[in-house]
C-alpha atoms as a PDB file:
ATOM      1  CA  MET A   1       0.000   0.000   0.000  1.00  0.00           C
ATOM      2  CA  THR A   2       1.272   3.477  -0.895  1.00  0.00           C
ATOM      3  CA  ASP A   3       1.247   6.201   1.753  1.00  0.00           C
ATOM      4  CA  THR A   4       0.353   9.541   0.116  1.00  0.00           C
ATOM      5  CA  GLU A   5       0.311  12.827   2.007  1.00  0.00           C
ATOM      6  CA  VAL A   6       0.326  16.534   1.261  1.00  0.00           C
ATOM      7  CA  LEU A   7       2.117  18.804   3.730  1.00  0.00           C
ATOM      8  CA  ARG A   8       2.450  22.587   3.821  1.00  0.00           C
ATOM      9  CA  LYS A   9       6.070  23.601   4.283  1.00  0.00           C
ATOM     10  CA  ASP A  10       7.257  27.201   4.000  1.00  0.00           C
ATOM     11  CA  ASN A  11       5.836  28.552   0.717  1.00  0.00           C
ATOM     12  CA  ARG A  12       4.854  25.269  -0.858  1.00  0.00           C
ATOM     13  CA  TYR A  13       2.731  22.196  -0.476  1.00  0.00           C
ATOM     14  CA  GLU A  14       4.704  18.986  -0.776  1.00  0.00           C
ATOM     15  CA  LEU A  15       3.262  15.766  -2.134  1.00  0.00           C
ATOM     16  CA  ARG A  16       5.017  12.860  -0.455  1.00  0.00           C
ATOM     17  CA  ILE A  17       4.716   9.215  -1.489  1.00  0.00           C
ATOM     18  CA  ASP A  18       6.002   6.784   1.117  1.00  0.00           C
ATOM     19  CA  GLY A  19       7.914   9.704   2.656  1.00  0.00           C
ATOM     20  CA  LYS A  20       9.638  10.704  -0.598  1.00  0.00           C
ATOM     21  CA  LEU A  21       9.069  14.092  -2.246  1.00  0.00           C
ATOM     22  CA  ALA A  22       6.989  13.421  -5.359  1.00  0.00           C
ATOM     23  CA  GLY A  23       5.789  16.901  -6.224  1.00  0.00           C
ATOM     24  CA  LEU A  24       5.066  20.405  -5.045  1.00  0.00           C
ATOM     25  CA  ALA A  25       2.741  23.357  -5.452  1.00  0.00           C
ATOM     26  CA  ALA A  26       4.578  26.624  -4.761  1.00  0.00           C
ATOM     27  CA  PHE A  27       2.838  29.785  -3.601  1.00  0.00           C
ATOM     28  CA  LEU A  28       3.394  33.215  -2.114  1.00  0.00           C
ATOM     29  CA  ASP A  29       0.911  34.924   0.190  1.00  0.00           C
ATOM     30  CA  ARG A  30      -0.165  38.450  -0.671  1.00  0.00           C
ATOM     31  CA  GLY A  31      -2.528  39.878   1.896  1.00  0.00           C
ATOM     32  CA  GLU A  32      -5.555  37.594   1.966  1.00  0.00           C
ATOM     33  CA  GLN A  33      -4.534  35.971  -1.324  1.00  0.00           C
ATOM     34  CA  ARG A  34      -2.469  32.850  -1.847  1.00  0.00           C
ATOM     35  CA  VAL A  35      -0.815  33.149  -5.272  1.00  0.00           C
ATOM     36  CA  PHE A  36      -0.012  29.719  -6.737  1.00  0.00           C
ATOM     37  CA  HIS A  37       2.801  30.201  -9.249  1.00  0.00           C
ATOM     38  CA  HIS A  38       4.260  26.736  -9.892  1.00  0.00           C
ATOM     39  CA  THR A  39       3.238  23.089  -9.613  1.00  0.00           C
ATOM     40  CA  GLU A  40       5.184  20.012 -10.621  1.00  0.00           C
ATOM     41  CA  VAL A  41       5.136  16.266 -10.111  1.00  0.00           C
ATOM     42  CA  ASN A  42       8.377  14.317 -10.498  1.00  0.00           C
ATOM     43  CA  ASN A  43       8.636  12.241 -13.683  1.00  0.00           C
ATOM     44  CA  ALA A  44       8.462   8.922 -11.818  1.00  0.00           C
ATOM     45  CA  TYR A  45       5.002   9.813 -10.465  1.00  0.00           C
ATOM     46  CA  ARG A  46       3.381  11.448 -13.510  1.00  0.00           C
ATOM     47  CA  GLY A  47       0.259  10.066 -15.118  1.00  0.00           C
ATOM     48  CA  GLN A  48      -1.228   8.814 -11.851  1.00  0.00           C
ATOM     49  CA  GLY A  49      -3.523  11.759 -11.087  1.00  0.00           C
ATOM     50  CA  LEU A  50      -1.267  12.927  -8.277  1.00  0.00           C
ATOM     51  CA  SER A  51      -1.230  16.567  -9.352  1.00  0.00           C
ATOM     52  CA  THR A  52      -4.991  16.561  -8.789  1.00  0.00           C
ATOM     53  CA  VAL A  53      -4.505  15.195  -5.271  1.00  0.00           C
ATOM     54  CA  LEU A  54      -1.806  17.777  -4.563  1.00  0.00           C
ATOM     55  CA  ILE A  55      -3.733  20.763  -5.907  1.00  0.00           C
ATOM     56  CA  GLU A  56      -7.043  19.755  -4.347  1.00  0.00           C
ATOM     57  CA  GLN A  57      -5.493  19.435  -0.890  1.00  0.00           C
ATOM     58  CA  ALA A  58      -3.512  22.665  -1.286  1.00  0.00           C
ATOM     59  CA  LEU A  59      -6.676  24.556  -2.245  1.00  0.00           C
ATOM     60  CA  ALA A  60      -8.680  22.943   0.561  1.00  0.00           C
ATOM     61  CA  ASP A  61      -6.030  24.081   3.054  1.00  0.00           C
ATOM     62  CA  THR A  62      -6.099  27.566   1.530  1.00  0.00           C
ATOM     63  CA  LYS A  63      -9.871  27.639   1.932  1.00  0.00           C
ATOM     64  CA  ALA A  64      -9.600  26.466   5.552  1.00  0.00           C
ATOM     65  CA  GLN A  65      -7.315  29.450   6.214  1.00  0.00           C
ATOM     66  CA  ASP A  66      -9.874  31.855   4.696  1.00  0.00           C
ATOM     67  CA  ARG A  67      -7.465  32.895   1.964  1.00  0.00           C
ATOM     68  CA  ARG A  68      -8.358  33.636  -1.625  1.00  0.00           C
ATOM     69  CA  ILE A  69      -6.816  31.726  -4.529  1.00  0.00           C
ATOM     70  CA  VAL A  70      -4.937  33.337  -7.409  1.00  0.00           C
ATOM     71  CA  ALA A  71      -3.911  30.753 -10.002  1.00  0.00           C
ATOM     72  CA  VAL A  72      -0.885  31.911 -11.994  1.00  0.00           C
ATOM     73  CA  CYS A  73       0.193  28.280 -12.435  1.00  0.00           C
ATOM     74  CA  PRO A  74      -1.443  26.609 -15.478  1.00  0.00           C
ATOM     75  CA  ALA A  75      -1.996  23.336 -13.567  1.00  0.00           C
ATOM     76  CA  VAL A  76      -3.936  25.129 -10.819  1.00  0.00           C
ATOM     77  CA  THR A  77      -5.885  27.084 -13.443  1.00  0.00           C
ATOM     78  CA  ALA A  78      -6.801  23.830 -15.220  1.00  0.00           C
ATOM     79  CA  PHE A  79      -7.870  22.224 -11.938  1.00  0.00           C
ATOM     80  CA  LEU A  80     -10.112  25.188 -11.115  1.00  0.00           C
ATOM     81  CA  GLY A  81     -11.669  24.979 -14.583  1.00  0.00           C
ATOM     82  CA  LYS A  82     -12.672  21.358 -13.980  1.00  0.00           C
ATOM     83  CA  HIS A  83     -13.682  21.642 -10.301  1.00  0.00           C
ATOM     84  CA  GLY A  84     -16.149  24.373  -9.379  1.00  0.00           C
ATOM     85  CA  GLY A  85     -15.898  24.014  -5.613  1.00  0.00           C
ATOM     86  CA  PHE A  86     -13.425  26.875  -5.268  1.00  0.00           C
ATOM     87  CA  ALA A  87     -14.980  29.461  -7.618  1.00  0.00           C
ATOM     88  CA  ASP A  88     -16.291  31.624  -4.777  1.00  0.00           C
ATOM     89  CA  MET A  89     -12.795  32.091  -3.369  1.00  0.00           C
ATOM     90  CA  THR A  90     -10.803  32.587  -6.568  1.00  0.00           C
ATOM     91  CA  ASP A  91      -9.514  35.960  -7.749  1.00  0.00           C
ATOM     92  CA  PRO A  92      -8.355  36.679 -11.308  1.00  0.00           C
ATOM     93  CA  VAL A  93      -4.710  37.095 -12.202  1.00  0.00           C
ATOM     94  CA  THR A  94      -4.105  40.814 -12.765  1.00  0.00           C
ATOM     95  CA  ASP A  95      -1.203  42.801 -14.159  1.00  0.00           C
ATOM     96  CA  GLU A  96      -0.654  44.081 -10.612  1.00  0.00           C
ATOM     97  CA  THR A  97      -0.382  40.509  -9.313  1.00  0.00           C
ATOM     98  CA  MET A  98       2.098  39.592 -12.029  1.00  0.00           C
ATOM     99  CA  ASP A  99       4.188  42.716 -11.361  1.00  0.00           C
ATOM    100  CA  TRP A 100       4.204  41.896  -7.639  1.00  0.00           C
ATOM    101  CA  LEU A 101       5.239  38.290  -8.328  1.00  0.00           C
ATOM    102  CA  GLU A 102       7.988  39.373 -10.731  1.00  0.00           C
ATOM    103  CA  GLU A 103       9.307  41.795  -8.102  1.00  0.00           C
ATOM    104  CA  LYS A 104       9.336  39.058  -5.447  1.00  0.00           C
ATOM    105  CA  PHE A 105      11.416  36.768  -7.665  1.00  0.00           C
ATOM    106  CA  ALA A 106      13.750  39.560  -8.753  1.00  0.00           C
ATOM    107  CA  LYS A 107      14.619  40.138  -5.079  1.00  0.00           C
ATOM    108  CA  LYS A 108      15.449  36.454  -4.611  1.00  0.00           C
ATOM    109  CA  GLY A 109      17.675  36.257  -7.679  1.00  0.00           C
END
């Protein structure tokens, strides 16, 4: 049996399979918004629907924290398009959000 868990750590949610890092959904918080900017699942675990598990649990945790979702990441955007349960807590991606995100990454680099 495979042990699958999603844990929030720093600015990302980690998908762990039997204790090994299998994927992540990275975010930055901006006020009441949680801006999801990158999601990936390691090659060895692709094609098993694990990105759906990861994103669904990350968004559920975001909802439990009363934060709003901003989906810059295409995988999160696709998930939201297929699953309507988060529509009431999703904000659009704006030029201001993208400028803010670009500034955050420029400071790290």
